[in-house]
Amino acid sequence: MTDWQKQLGRRAAAVERSEQQRDEDIAAARLDGHSFREIGRWAKVNHERARTIAIRVNGDSRTSAERAAAGEATSSA
């Protein structure tokens, strides 16, 4: 393996880790109640991309408060 192959492999792995961390931060910000437009602006992605990431990571696009309210509504029915 050449030096360039090793260096590019390391850089690609670092980019992948960084993107994974960014996706986790996007999902956490959504759970915390921030809008997709805010999150997208902060993460430098389209708000729809932020929504897609939050759904993939969280399994849902709702905030923690929205989830809790839905849980209360279904448990009181």
Protein backbone atom coordinates (compact mmCIF):
# COMPACT_ATOMS: atom_id res chain seq x y z
CA MET A 1 0.00 0.00 0.00
CA THR A 2 1.37 3.41 -0.93
CA ASP A 3 1.65 6.37 1.41
CA TRP A 4 -1.14 8.09 -0.54
CA GLN A 5 -3.43 5.10 -0.13
CA LYS A 6 -2.81 5.07 3.62
CA GLN A 7 -3.31 8.81 3.99
CA LEU A 8 -6.49 8.86 1.93
CA GLY A 9 -7.80 5.84 3.82
CA ARG A 10 -7.22 7.61 7.13
CA ARG A 11 -8.87 10.80 5.86
CA ALA A 12 -11.87 8.88 4.55
CA ALA A 13 -12.28 7.17 7.93
CA ALA A 14 -12.06 10.55 9.69
CA VAL A 15 -14.71 12.03 7.39
CA GLU A 16 -16.99 9.06 8.05
CA ARG A 17 -16.59 9.46 11.84
CA SER A 18 -17.24 13.19 11.55
CA GLU A 19 -20.39 12.68 9.49
CA GLN A 20 -21.65 10.09 11.98
CA GLN A 21 -21.07 12.50 14.87
CA ARG A 22 -22.80 15.31 12.92
CA ASP A 23 -25.80 13.05 12.30
CA GLU A 24 -26.01 12.18 15.99
CA ASP A 25 -25.85 15.89 16.86
CA ILE A 26 -28.62 16.65 14.35
CA ALA A 27 -30.80 13.95 15.89
CA ALA A 28 -30.08 15.18 19.43
CA ALA A 29 -30.86 18.79 18.51
CA ARG A 30 -34.22 17.68 17.10
CA LEU A 31 -35.05 15.73 20.25
CA ASP A 32 -34.17 18.88 22.19
CA GLY A 33 -36.89 20.75 20.31
CA HIS A 34 -35.09 22.68 17.58
CA SER A 35 -36.66 23.11 14.15
CA PHE A 36 -35.26 21.39 11.09
CA ARG A 37 -34.56 24.76 9.50
CA GLU A 38 -32.44 25.81 12.50
CA ILE A 39 -30.64 22.49 12.59
CA GLY A 40 -30.04 22.53 8.84
CA ARG A 41 -28.61 26.03 9.04
CA TRP A 42 -26.30 25.07 11.89
CA ALA A 43 -25.17 21.81 10.27
CA LYS A 44 -24.91 23.36 6.80
CA VAL A 45 -27.41 20.90 5.31
CA ASN A 46 -30.84 21.34 3.76
CA HIS A 47 -33.65 21.19 6.33
CA GLU A 48 -35.12 18.16 4.56
CA ARG A 49 -31.77 16.40 4.85
CA ALA A 50 -31.75 17.23 8.57
CA ARG A 51 -35.25 15.71 8.85
CA THR A 52 -34.17 12.56 7.02
CA ILE A 53 -31.13 12.19 9.30
CA ALA A 54 -33.23 12.68 12.45
CA ILE A 55 -35.69 10.03 11.31
CA ARG A 56 -32.87 7.59 10.49
CA VAL A 57 -31.12 8.12 13.83
CA ASN A 58 -34.12 8.64 16.13
CA GLY A 59 -36.64 6.49 14.28
CA ASP A 60 -38.98 9.49 14.31
CA SER A 61 -38.99 13.18 13.42
CA ARG A 62 -40.72 14.36 16.59
CA THR A 63 -39.10 16.18 19.48
CA SER A 64 -38.93 14.64 22.96
CA ALA A 65 -41.79 16.89 24.08
CA GLU A 66 -43.94 15.83 21.13
CA ARG A 67 -43.21 12.17 21.85
CA ALA A 68 -44.11 12.61 25.52
CA ALA A 69 -47.35 14.41 24.66
CA ALA A 70 -48.30 11.64 22.23
CA GLY A 71 -47.50 9.04 24.86
CA GLU A 72 -49.71 10.81 27.40
CA ALA A 73 -52.54 11.08 24.87
CA THR A 74 -52.45 7.37 24.05
CA SER A 75 -52.08 6.24 27.69
CA SER A 76 -55.07 8.32 28.81
CA ALA A 77 -57.33 6.97 26.06
